[in-house]
Amino acid sequence: MASPREIPRLTDVRMLRGIAHPMRNRILEEMSAGGPMRAADVAERLGIPANQASFHLRQLAKYGLVEEAPELARDGRDRVWRVVHESGLSVNLEDLEGQSGGKAAVAVFRRSWTAAAHAAIDRADQPEKGKDVTVAVSTHALRLTKAEAKALAGEINDLVDEWREKKQAKSGRTYEVLWVLQPAPEVES
């Protein structure tokens, strides 16, 4: 069994604010799936004005989530952006709540993340009609120790990363992978 890659930890509450914004989070998803992009590429992909895409990219850069990739630019005026943490970030909300402004930032992040998760489940229930898409929803029950659960989480992340790395392309549809690994609720008798 391969050892799971270490996912960098998000340790700055300001970065949490950056990913709590739904549009910024979608931009990060698109860039993670498709590689470096210009503001015009982001605008086209997400159906937003280019100036709005540019604003959000600058905000993501301010939070240390994207950076310019000048080696990919066509000329001195061309700005190409890439994600800083291609494999994503590990987020421990309890650690972040203790920072100045952390409780408010965590509350915003939780609302945003929960809304996005609900929307993903709702979309899975109603696949886009007439489009060639695949939707898969599955639940499994496993009996694991805490260490085994951590190893499984690492393996799932590694598998998704492998697919992202080999399929990072401009063609195709961006798919979201949403998974939750947590203890089943205790049954009270």
N, C-alpha and C. Protein backbone atom coordinates (compact mmCIF):
# COMPACT_ATOMS: atom_id res chain seq x y z
N MET A 1 0.85 -1.18 0.00
CA MET A 1 0.00 0.00 0.00
C MET A 1 0.90 1.24 0.00
N ALA A 2 0.62 2.15 -0.92
CA ALA A 2 1.42 3.38 -1.02
C ALA A 2 1.12 4.28 0.16
N SER A 3 2.13 5.00 0.60
CA SER A 3 1.91 5.92 1.71
C SER A 3 1.20 7.16 1.17
N PRO A 4 0.18 7.66 1.89
CA PRO A 4 -0.57 8.81 1.41
C PRO A 4 0.30 10.07 1.39
N ARG A 5 0.04 10.92 0.40
CA ARG A 5 0.75 12.20 0.33
C ARG A 5 0.29 13.09 1.47
N GLU A 6 1.19 13.87 1.96
CA GLU A 6 0.84 14.82 3.02
C GLU A 6 0.21 16.05 2.37
N ILE A 7 -1.00 16.35 2.75
CA ILE A 7 -1.69 17.51 2.22
C ILE A 7 -1.36 18.70 3.11
N PRO A 8 -0.91 19.81 2.52
CA PRO A 8 -0.56 20.97 3.35
C PRO A 8 -1.76 21.44 4.18
N ARG A 9 -1.46 21.93 5.37
CA ARG A 9 -2.52 22.41 6.27
C ARG A 9 -2.77 23.89 6.05
N LEU A 10 -4.01 24.26 6.06
CA LEU A 10 -4.39 25.67 6.03
C LEU A 10 -4.28 26.17 7.46
N THR A 11 -3.38 27.11 7.70
CA THR A 11 -3.13 27.56 9.07
C THR A 11 -3.47 29.03 9.28
N ASP A 12 -3.84 29.73 8.24
CA ASP A 12 -4.12 31.16 8.32
C ASP A 12 -5.60 31.41 8.06
N VAL A 13 -6.26 32.01 9.03
CA VAL A 13 -7.70 32.25 8.93
C VAL A 13 -8.04 33.12 7.71
N ARG A 14 -7.09 33.95 7.27
CA ARG A 14 -7.34 34.77 6.06
C ARG A 14 -7.50 33.89 4.83
N MET A 15 -6.73 32.80 4.76
CA MET A 15 -6.89 31.87 3.63
C MET A 15 -8.26 31.22 3.67
N LEU A 16 -8.75 30.93 4.87
CA LEU A 16 -10.09 30.34 5.01
C LEU A 16 -11.13 31.28 4.44
N ARG A 17 -10.97 32.58 4.70
CA ARG A 17 -11.91 33.56 4.13
C ARG A 17 -11.87 33.50 2.60
N GLY A 18 -10.69 33.28 2.06
CA GLY A 18 -10.55 33.21 0.61
C GLY A 18 -11.31 32.06 0.00
N ILE A 19 -11.26 30.89 0.63
CA ILE A 19 -11.95 29.74 0.06
C ILE A 19 -13.41 29.64 0.50
N ALA A 20 -13.83 30.47 1.46
CA ALA A 20 -15.22 30.46 1.89
C ALA A 20 -16.13 31.12 0.85
N HIS A 21 -15.57 31.94 -0.01
CA HIS A 21 -16.37 32.62 -1.04
C HIS A 21 -16.70 31.62 -2.15
N PRO A 22 -17.98 31.40 -2.46
CA PRO A 22 -18.36 30.37 -3.44
C PRO A 22 -17.69 30.54 -4.81
N MET A 23 -17.61 31.76 -5.33
CA MET A 23 -17.03 31.95 -6.65
C MET A 23 -15.52 31.68 -6.62
N ARG A 24 -14.87 32.09 -5.56
CA ARG A 24 -13.43 31.84 -5.46
C ARG A 24 -13.16 30.34 -5.33
N ASN A 25 -14.01 29.67 -4.62
CA ASN A 25 -13.86 28.23 -4.49
C ASN A 25 -14.06 27.54 -5.85
N ARG A 26 -15.04 28.00 -6.64
CA ARG A 26 -15.25 27.43 -7.98
C ARG A 26 -14.05 27.70 -8.88
N ILE A 27 -13.46 28.90 -8.77
CA ILE A 27 -12.28 29.21 -9.56
C ILE A 27 -11.15 28.26 -9.20
N LEU A 28 -10.95 28.02 -7.91
CA LEU A 28 -9.91 27.09 -7.49
C LEU A 28 -10.18 25.68 -8.02
N GLU A 29 -11.45 25.26 -8.02
CA GLU A 29 -11.80 23.94 -8.56
C GLU A 29 -11.46 23.86 -10.04
N GLU A 30 -11.84 24.89 -10.80
CA GLU A 30 -11.57 24.88 -12.24
C GLU A 30 -10.07 24.86 -12.52
N MET A 31 -9.32 25.64 -11.76
CA MET A 31 -7.87 25.69 -11.98
C MET A 31 -7.21 24.38 -11.54
N SER A 32 -7.71 23.76 -10.51
CA SER A 32 -7.18 22.48 -10.08
C SER A 32 -7.45 21.41 -11.13
N ALA A 33 -8.65 21.46 -11.72
CA ALA A 33 -9.02 20.47 -12.74
C ALA A 33 -8.35 20.74 -14.08
N GLY A 34 -8.23 22.02 -14.46
CA GLY A 34 -7.78 22.34 -15.80
C GLY A 34 -6.41 22.96 -15.92
N GLY A 35 -5.76 23.23 -14.80
CA GLY A 35 -4.43 23.83 -14.85
C GLY A 35 -4.48 25.34 -14.89
N PRO A 36 -3.33 25.97 -15.15
CA PRO A 36 -3.24 27.43 -15.15
C PRO A 36 -4.23 28.07 -16.12
N MET A 37 -4.74 29.25 -15.72
CA MET A 37 -5.75 29.94 -16.52
C MET A 37 -5.53 31.45 -16.47
N ARG A 38 -6.02 32.10 -17.49
CA ARG A 38 -6.10 33.56 -17.53
C ARG A 38 -7.48 33.96 -17.01
N ALA A 39 -7.64 35.22 -16.64
CA ALA A 39 -8.94 35.70 -16.17
C ALA A 39 -10.00 35.46 -17.24
N ALA A 40 -9.64 35.66 -18.51
CA ALA A 40 -10.60 35.44 -19.61
C ALA A 40 -11.04 33.98 -19.67
N ASP A 41 -10.10 33.05 -19.40
CA ASP A 41 -10.45 31.62 -19.39
C ASP A 41 -11.43 31.32 -18.27
N VAL A 42 -11.15 31.86 -17.08
CA VAL A 42 -12.02 31.67 -15.93
C VAL A 42 -13.40 32.24 -16.23
N ALA A 43 -13.44 33.44 -16.79
CA ALA A 43 -14.70 34.10 -17.11
C ALA A 43 -15.53 33.25 -18.06
N GLU A 44 -14.89 32.75 -19.10
CA GLU A 44 -15.60 31.93 -20.08
C GLU A 44 -16.10 30.63 -19.46
N ARG A 45 -15.25 29.99 -18.68
CA ARG A 45 -15.60 28.70 -18.07
C ARG A 45 -16.75 28.82 -17.07
N LEU A 46 -16.77 29.93 -16.32
CA LEU A 46 -17.78 30.08 -15.26
C LEU A 46 -18.93 31.01 -15.64
N GLY A 47 -18.84 31.62 -16.82
CA GLY A 47 -19.93 32.49 -17.26
C GLY A 47 -20.05 33.77 -16.45
N ILE A 48 -18.90 34.35 -16.10
CA ILE A 48 -18.89 35.61 -15.34
C ILE A 48 -18.10 36.64 -16.15
N PRO A 49 -18.28 37.93 -15.86
CA PRO A 49 -17.50 38.95 -16.56
C PRO A 49 -16.00 38.80 -16.26
N ALA A 50 -15.17 39.14 -17.24
CA ALA A 50 -13.71 39.01 -17.08
C ALA A 50 -13.19 39.87 -15.94
N ASN A 51 -13.76 41.07 -15.74
CA ASN A 51 -13.27 41.91 -14.65
C ASN A 51 -13.59 41.28 -13.28
N GLN A 52 -14.71 40.57 -13.20
CA GLN A 52 -15.04 39.87 -11.95
C GLN A 52 -14.07 38.71 -11.73
N ALA A 53 -13.76 37.96 -12.78
CA ALA A 53 -12.81 36.87 -12.67
C ALA A 53 -11.44 37.40 -12.25
N SER A 54 -11.02 38.51 -12.85
CA SER A 54 -9.73 39.12 -12.52
C SER A 54 -9.70 39.55 -11.06
N PHE A 55 -10.78 40.17 -10.58
CA PHE A 55 -10.86 40.59 -9.18
C PHE A 55 -10.70 39.39 -8.25
N HIS A 56 -11.43 38.31 -8.52
CA HIS A 56 -11.36 37.14 -7.64
C HIS A 56 -9.98 36.48 -7.70
N LEU A 57 -9.36 36.46 -8.86
CA LEU A 57 -8.00 35.91 -8.96
C LEU A 57 -7.02 36.73 -8.13
N ARG A 58 -7.16 38.05 -8.16
CA ARG A 58 -6.28 38.90 -7.34
C ARG A 58 -6.52 38.65 -5.86
N GLN A 59 -7.78 38.45 -5.47
CA GLN A 59 -8.09 38.15 -4.07
C GLN A 59 -7.48 36.81 -3.67
N LEU A 60 -7.62 35.81 -4.53
CA LEU A 60 -7.03 34.50 -4.24
C LEU A 60 -5.52 34.61 -4.11
N ALA A 61 -4.90 35.46 -4.93
CA ALA A 61 -3.44 35.67 -4.83
C ALA A 61 -3.10 36.34 -3.51
N LYS A 62 -3.92 37.30 -3.10
CA LYS A 62 -3.69 37.99 -1.82
C LYS A 62 -3.71 36.99 -0.65
N TYR A 63 -4.56 35.98 -0.75
CA TYR A 63 -4.67 34.97 0.30
C TYR A 63 -3.64 33.85 0.15
N GLY A 64 -2.81 33.91 -0.90
CA GLY A 64 -1.78 32.89 -1.10
C GLY A 64 -2.30 31.59 -1.68
N LEU A 65 -3.44 31.66 -2.38
CA LEU A 65 -4.04 30.45 -2.93
C LEU A 65 -3.74 30.26 -4.42
N VAL A 66 -3.49 31.36 -5.13
CA VAL A 66 -3.04 31.28 -6.53
C VAL A 66 -1.83 32.20 -6.67
N GLU A 67 -1.08 31.98 -7.74
CA GLU A 67 0.08 32.82 -8.02
C GLU A 67 0.19 32.97 -9.53
N GLU A 68 0.88 34.02 -9.94
CA GLU A 68 1.10 34.22 -11.37
C GLU A 68 2.09 33.18 -11.88
N ALA A 69 1.91 32.80 -13.14
CA ALA A 69 2.81 31.87 -13.81
C ALA A 69 3.37 32.59 -15.03
N PRO A 70 4.34 33.51 -14.82
CA PRO A 70 4.83 34.34 -15.92
C PRO A 70 5.46 33.54 -17.06
N GLU A 71 5.98 32.36 -16.75
CA GLU A 71 6.59 31.55 -17.80
C GLU A 71 5.55 31.04 -18.81
N LEU A 72 4.26 31.10 -18.45
CA LEU A 72 3.19 30.67 -19.35
C LEU A 72 2.55 31.83 -20.11
N ALA A 73 2.94 33.05 -19.78
CA ALA A 73 2.36 34.24 -20.41
C ALA A 73 2.88 34.40 -21.84
N ARG A 74 2.00 34.93 -22.68
CA ARG A 74 2.38 35.17 -24.08
C ARG A 74 3.27 36.39 -24.22
N ASP A 75 3.05 37.38 -23.35
CA ASP A 75 3.86 38.61 -23.39
C ASP A 75 3.81 39.25 -22.00
N GLY A 76 4.40 40.44 -21.87
CA GLY A 76 4.49 41.10 -20.57
C GLY A 76 3.16 41.54 -19.98
N ARG A 77 2.14 41.67 -20.82
CA ARG A 77 0.82 42.10 -20.31
C ARG A 77 -0.08 40.93 -19.97
N ASP A 78 0.25 39.76 -20.48
CA ASP A 78 -0.56 38.56 -20.28
C ASP A 78 -0.36 38.03 -18.86
N ARG A 79 -1.45 37.76 -18.14
CA ARG A 79 -1.36 37.23 -16.78
C ARG A 79 -2.00 35.85 -16.73
N VAL A 80 -1.17 34.88 -16.43
CA VAL A 80 -1.64 33.51 -16.28
C VAL A 80 -1.49 33.15 -14.80
N TRP A 81 -2.51 32.48 -14.26
CA TRP A 81 -2.53 32.14 -12.84
C TRP A 81 -2.55 30.63 -12.67
N ARG A 82 -1.96 30.17 -11.58
CA ARG A 82 -2.01 28.74 -11.23
C ARG A 82 -2.29 28.62 -9.74
N VAL A 83 -2.87 27.48 -9.35
CA VAL A 83 -3.12 27.24 -7.92
C VAL A 83 -1.79 26.96 -7.23
N VAL A 84 -1.66 27.40 -6.02
CA VAL A 84 -0.44 27.17 -5.24
C VAL A 84 -0.42 25.75 -4.68
N HIS A 85 -1.56 25.28 -4.19
CA HIS A 85 -1.64 23.95 -3.57
C HIS A 85 -2.51 23.06 -4.44
N GLU A 86 -1.90 22.41 -5.42
CA GLU A 86 -2.66 21.63 -6.39
C GLU A 86 -3.47 20.51 -5.75
N SER A 87 -2.98 19.93 -4.68
CA SER A 87 -3.69 18.83 -4.03
C SER A 87 -4.68 19.33 -2.99
N GLY A 88 -4.86 20.63 -2.90
CA GLY A 88 -5.77 21.19 -1.92
C GLY A 88 -5.09 21.41 -0.59
N LEU A 89 -5.89 21.75 0.39
CA LEU A 89 -5.39 22.04 1.73
C LEU A 89 -6.21 21.27 2.74
N SER A 90 -5.55 20.82 3.79
CA SER A 90 -6.22 20.20 4.91
C SER A 90 -6.68 21.32 5.85
N VAL A 91 -7.94 21.29 6.23
CA VAL A 91 -8.51 22.36 7.06
C VAL A 91 -8.95 21.79 8.40
N ASN A 92 -8.38 22.32 9.49
CA ASN A 92 -8.82 21.97 10.83
C ASN A 92 -9.50 23.21 11.41
N LEU A 93 -10.83 23.19 11.38
CA LEU A 93 -11.60 24.38 11.78
C LEU A 93 -11.41 24.72 13.26
N GLU A 94 -11.22 23.72 14.09
CA GLU A 94 -11.01 23.99 15.52
C GLU A 94 -9.76 24.82 15.74
N ASP A 95 -8.69 24.50 15.02
CA ASP A 95 -7.45 25.27 15.15
C ASP A 95 -7.66 26.72 14.70
N LEU A 96 -8.40 26.90 13.62
CA LEU A 96 -8.59 28.23 13.05
C LEU A 96 -9.52 29.10 13.90
N GLU A 97 -10.47 28.48 14.60
CA GLU A 97 -11.40 29.25 15.44
C GLU A 97 -10.69 30.04 16.52
N GLY A 98 -9.54 29.56 16.96
CA GLY A 98 -8.79 30.22 18.02
C GLY A 98 -8.05 31.47 17.57
N GLN A 99 -7.89 31.67 16.27
CA GLN A 99 -7.19 32.85 15.77
C GLN A 99 -8.10 34.07 15.83
N SER A 100 -7.50 35.24 15.79
CA SER A 100 -8.26 36.48 15.77
C SER A 100 -9.18 36.50 14.55
N GLY A 101 -10.46 36.67 14.76
CA GLY A 101 -11.44 36.66 13.68
C GLY A 101 -11.79 35.26 13.20
N GLY A 102 -11.25 34.25 13.86
CA GLY A 102 -11.43 32.88 13.43
C GLY A 102 -12.84 32.36 13.56
N LYS A 103 -13.52 32.70 14.65
CA LYS A 103 -14.89 32.18 14.83
C LYS A 103 -15.81 32.65 13.72
N ALA A 104 -15.72 33.92 13.36
CA ALA A 104 -16.57 34.45 12.28
C ALA A 104 -16.19 33.82 10.95
N ALA A 105 -14.89 33.69 10.67
CA ALA A 105 -14.45 33.11 9.40
C ALA A 105 -14.87 31.64 9.29
N VAL A 106 -14.77 30.91 10.38
CA VAL A 106 -15.17 29.50 10.39
C VAL A 106 -16.68 29.39 10.17
N ALA A 107 -17.45 30.28 10.79
CA ALA A 107 -18.90 30.25 10.61
C ALA A 107 -19.27 30.49 9.14
N VAL A 108 -18.62 31.47 8.51
CA VAL A 108 -18.88 31.75 7.09
C VAL A 108 -18.47 30.55 6.24
N PHE A 109 -17.29 29.99 6.53
CA PHE A 109 -16.82 28.83 5.77
C PHE A 109 -17.79 27.67 5.91
N ARG A 110 -18.25 27.39 7.13
CA ARG A 110 -19.19 26.26 7.34
C ARG A 110 -20.48 26.47 6.56
N ARG A 111 -21.02 27.68 6.59
CA ARG A 111 -22.26 27.96 5.84
C ARG A 111 -22.03 27.76 4.34
N SER A 112 -20.92 28.28 3.85
CA SER A 112 -20.60 28.17 2.42
C SER A 112 -20.39 26.71 2.02
N TRP A 113 -19.60 25.99 2.81
CA TRP A 113 -19.31 24.60 2.48
C TRP A 113 -20.57 23.75 2.56
N THR A 114 -21.39 23.96 3.60
CA THR A 114 -22.62 23.19 3.74
C THR A 114 -23.57 23.47 2.58
N ALA A 115 -23.69 24.74 2.19
CA ALA A 115 -24.55 25.08 1.05
C ALA A 115 -24.05 24.42 -0.23
N ALA A 116 -22.74 24.41 -0.44
CA ALA A 116 -22.17 23.77 -1.63
C ALA A 116 -22.40 22.26 -1.61
N ALA A 117 -22.25 21.64 -0.44
CA ALA A 117 -22.48 20.20 -0.33
C ALA A 117 -23.95 19.86 -0.60
N HIS A 118 -24.85 20.64 -0.04
CA HIS A 118 -26.28 20.43 -0.30
C HIS A 118 -26.59 20.59 -1.78
N ALA A 119 -26.03 21.63 -2.40
CA ALA A 119 -26.26 21.86 -3.83
C ALA A 119 -25.73 20.69 -4.65
N ALA A 120 -24.57 20.13 -4.27
CA ALA A 120 -24.01 18.99 -4.99
C ALA A 120 -24.94 17.78 -4.89
N ILE A 121 -25.46 17.53 -3.70
CA ILE A 121 -26.39 16.41 -3.52
C ILE A 121 -27.67 16.65 -4.32
N ASP A 122 -28.18 17.88 -4.29
CA ASP A 122 -29.38 18.20 -5.07
C ASP A 122 -29.15 17.98 -6.56
N ARG A 123 -27.96 18.40 -7.06
CA ARG A 123 -27.64 18.20 -8.48
C ARG A 123 -27.53 16.71 -8.81
N ALA A 124 -27.03 15.92 -7.88
CA ALA A 124 -26.89 14.48 -8.12
C ALA A 124 -28.26 13.83 -8.27
N ASP A 125 -29.24 14.38 -7.57
CA ASP A 125 -30.60 13.86 -7.62
C ASP A 125 -31.30 14.26 -8.92
N GLN A 126 -30.83 15.33 -9.55
CA GLN A 126 -31.46 15.85 -10.77
C GLN A 126 -30.39 16.10 -11.83
N PRO A 127 -29.82 15.03 -12.42
CA PRO A 127 -28.76 15.24 -13.41
C PRO A 127 -29.25 16.14 -14.55
N GLU A 128 -28.31 16.84 -15.16
CA GLU A 128 -28.63 17.74 -16.25
C GLU A 128 -29.26 16.96 -17.39
N LYS A 129 -30.47 17.32 -17.73
CA LYS A 129 -31.19 16.61 -18.77
C LYS A 129 -30.60 16.92 -20.14
N GLY A 130 -30.48 15.90 -20.96
CA GLY A 130 -30.00 16.08 -22.32
C GLY A 130 -28.50 16.25 -22.44
N LYS A 131 -27.77 16.17 -21.33
CA LYS A 131 -26.32 16.31 -21.39
C LYS A 131 -25.69 14.96 -21.12
N ASP A 132 -24.55 14.74 -21.73
CA ASP A 132 -23.82 13.50 -21.57
C ASP A 132 -22.95 13.60 -20.32
N VAL A 133 -23.54 13.30 -19.17
CA VAL A 133 -22.81 13.38 -17.90
C VAL A 133 -22.99 12.08 -17.13
N THR A 134 -22.10 11.85 -16.22
CA THR A 134 -22.18 10.71 -15.32
C THR A 134 -22.30 11.24 -13.91
N VAL A 135 -23.26 10.69 -13.16
CA VAL A 135 -23.43 11.05 -11.76
C VAL A 135 -23.42 9.74 -10.97
N ALA A 136 -22.61 9.69 -9.93
CA ALA A 136 -22.55 8.50 -9.09
C ALA A 136 -22.65 8.93 -7.63
N VAL A 137 -23.55 8.29 -6.91
CA VAL A 137 -23.71 8.53 -5.47
C VAL A 137 -23.67 7.17 -4.80
N SER A 138 -22.90 7.07 -3.75
CA SER A 138 -22.74 5.79 -3.09
C SER A 138 -22.49 5.99 -1.60
N THR A 139 -22.99 5.09 -0.81
CA THR A 139 -22.66 5.09 0.62
C THR A 139 -22.17 3.70 0.98
N HIS A 140 -21.23 3.64 1.88
CA HIS A 140 -20.65 2.38 2.33
C HIS A 140 -20.46 2.45 3.84
N ALA A 141 -20.55 1.32 4.48
CA ALA A 141 -20.27 1.25 5.91
C ALA A 141 -19.06 0.34 6.11
N LEU A 142 -18.08 0.84 6.81
CA LEU A 142 -16.86 0.08 7.10
C LEU A 142 -16.58 0.15 8.59
N ARG A 143 -16.04 -0.90 9.13
CA ARG A 143 -15.63 -0.88 10.53
C ARG A 143 -14.13 -0.65 10.54
N LEU A 144 -13.70 0.52 11.03
CA LEU A 144 -12.29 0.92 10.97
C LEU A 144 -11.83 1.48 12.31
N THR A 145 -10.55 1.36 12.55
CA THR A 145 -9.95 2.09 13.67
C THR A 145 -9.71 3.52 13.18
N LYS A 146 -9.38 4.42 14.09
CA LYS A 146 -9.08 5.80 13.70
C LYS A 146 -7.90 5.84 12.73
N ALA A 147 -6.87 5.04 12.99
CA ALA A 147 -5.69 5.00 12.11
C ALA A 147 -6.07 4.48 10.72
N GLU A 148 -6.92 3.45 10.68
CA GLU A 148 -7.35 2.92 9.39
C GLU A 148 -8.19 3.94 8.63
N ALA A 149 -9.05 4.67 9.34
CA ALA A 149 -9.86 5.70 8.69
C ALA A 149 -8.97 6.79 8.10
N LYS A 150 -7.94 7.17 8.83
CA LYS A 150 -6.99 8.17 8.34
C LYS A 150 -6.27 7.65 7.09
N ALA A 151 -5.87 6.38 7.11
CA ALA A 151 -5.19 5.78 5.95
C ALA A 151 -6.13 5.73 4.74
N LEU A 152 -7.39 5.37 4.97
CA LEU A 152 -8.37 5.34 3.88
C LEU A 152 -8.55 6.73 3.28
N ALA A 153 -8.67 7.73 4.13
CA ALA A 153 -8.82 9.11 3.64
C ALA A 153 -7.62 9.50 2.78
N GLY A 154 -6.43 9.13 3.22
CA GLY A 154 -5.23 9.43 2.44
C GLY A 154 -5.24 8.73 1.09
N GLU A 155 -5.67 7.47 1.06
CA GLU A 155 -5.73 6.72 -0.19
C GLU A 155 -6.76 7.32 -1.15
N ILE A 156 -7.90 7.73 -0.62
CA ILE A 156 -8.92 8.36 -1.49
C ILE A 156 -8.37 9.66 -2.07
N ASN A 157 -7.74 10.48 -1.23
CA ASN A 157 -7.14 11.72 -1.72
C ASN A 157 -6.08 11.45 -2.78
N ASP A 158 -5.24 10.43 -2.55
CA ASP A 158 -4.20 10.08 -3.52
C ASP A 158 -4.82 9.66 -4.85
N LEU A 159 -5.88 8.86 -4.79
CA LEU A 159 -6.54 8.41 -6.01
C LEU A 159 -7.10 9.58 -6.81
N VAL A 160 -7.79 10.49 -6.12
CA VAL A 160 -8.34 11.67 -6.80
C VAL A 160 -7.21 12.52 -7.36
N ASP A 161 -6.11 12.69 -6.61
CA ASP A 161 -4.96 13.45 -7.10
C ASP A 161 -4.36 12.82 -8.35
N GLU A 162 -4.25 11.49 -8.36
CA GLU A 162 -3.70 10.81 -9.54
C GLU A 162 -4.55 11.10 -10.77
N TRP A 163 -5.87 11.04 -10.62
CA TRP A 163 -6.77 11.34 -11.74
C TRP A 163 -6.65 12.80 -12.17
N ARG A 164 -6.55 13.70 -11.19
CA ARG A 164 -6.41 15.12 -11.52
C ARG A 164 -5.13 15.35 -12.30
N GLU A 165 -4.04 14.76 -11.85
CA GLU A 165 -2.75 14.96 -12.52
C GLU A 165 -2.72 14.41 -13.93
N LYS A 166 -3.30 13.24 -14.14
CA LYS A 166 -3.25 12.66 -15.48
C LYS A 166 -4.31 13.22 -16.40
N LYS A 167 -5.30 13.90 -15.86
CA LYS A 167 -6.39 14.39 -16.68
C LYS A 167 -6.49 15.91 -16.66
N GLN A 168 -5.47 16.60 -16.18
CA GLN A 168 -5.51 18.06 -16.13
C GLN A 168 -5.45 18.57 -17.56
N ALA A 169 -6.61 18.93 -18.08
CA ALA A 169 -6.70 19.31 -19.48
C ALA A 169 -7.78 20.37 -19.66
N LYS A 170 -7.70 21.05 -20.77
CA LYS A 170 -8.70 22.07 -21.08
C LYS A 170 -9.99 21.45 -21.59
N SER A 171 -9.91 20.23 -22.14
CA SER A 171 -11.10 19.59 -22.68
C SER A 171 -11.82 18.81 -21.58
N GLY A 172 -13.04 18.49 -21.85
CA GLY A 172 -13.83 17.70 -20.90
C GLY A 172 -14.57 18.59 -19.93
N ARG A 173 -15.36 17.97 -19.14
CA ARG A 173 -16.21 18.62 -18.15
C ARG A 173 -15.55 18.56 -16.79
N THR A 174 -15.67 19.60 -15.99
CA THR A 174 -15.16 19.56 -14.62
C THR A 174 -16.17 18.79 -13.77
N TYR A 175 -15.68 17.78 -13.10
CA TYR A 175 -16.51 16.99 -12.18
C TYR A 175 -16.08 17.29 -10.76
N GLU A 176 -17.05 17.33 -9.87
CA GLU A 176 -16.77 17.49 -8.44
C GLU A 176 -16.80 16.12 -7.79
N VAL A 177 -15.86 15.90 -6.89
CA VAL A 177 -15.85 14.68 -6.09
C VAL A 177 -16.09 15.13 -4.66
N LEU A 178 -17.20 14.72 -4.11
CA LEU A 178 -17.55 15.08 -2.73
C LEU A 178 -17.65 13.78 -1.95
N TRP A 179 -16.82 13.65 -0.94
CA TRP A 179 -16.92 12.46 -0.10
C TRP A 179 -16.76 12.85 1.35
N VAL A 180 -17.39 12.07 2.21
CA VAL A 180 -17.35 12.32 3.65
C VAL A 180 -17.00 11.01 4.33
N LEU A 181 -15.99 11.02 5.14
CA LEU A 181 -15.63 9.87 5.95
C LEU A 181 -15.77 10.30 7.40
N GLN A 182 -16.71 9.68 8.09
CA GLN A 182 -16.94 10.04 9.49
C GLN A 182 -17.59 8.87 10.21
N PRO A 183 -17.48 8.86 11.53
CA PRO A 183 -18.14 7.78 12.27
C PRO A 183 -19.65 7.83 12.08
N ALA A 184 -20.25 6.68 11.95
CA ALA A 184 -21.71 6.60 11.87
C ALA A 184 -22.29 7.08 13.20
N PRO A 185 -23.49 7.63 13.17
CA PRO A 185 -24.07 8.09 14.45
C PRO A 185 -24.32 6.91 15.39
N GLU A 186 -24.14 7.18 16.66
CA GLU A 186 -24.42 6.16 17.67
C GLU A 186 -25.92 5.94 17.72
N VAL A 187 -26.30 4.69 17.84
CA VAL A 187 -27.72 4.35 17.93
C VAL A 187 -28.06 4.24 19.40
N GLU A 188 -29.03 5.05 19.82
CA GLU A 188 -29.45 5.01 21.22
C GLU A 188 -30.62 4.05 21.34
N SER A 189 -30.58 3.20 22.38
CA SER A 189 -31.67 2.25 22.55
C SER A 189 -32.71 2.72 23.51
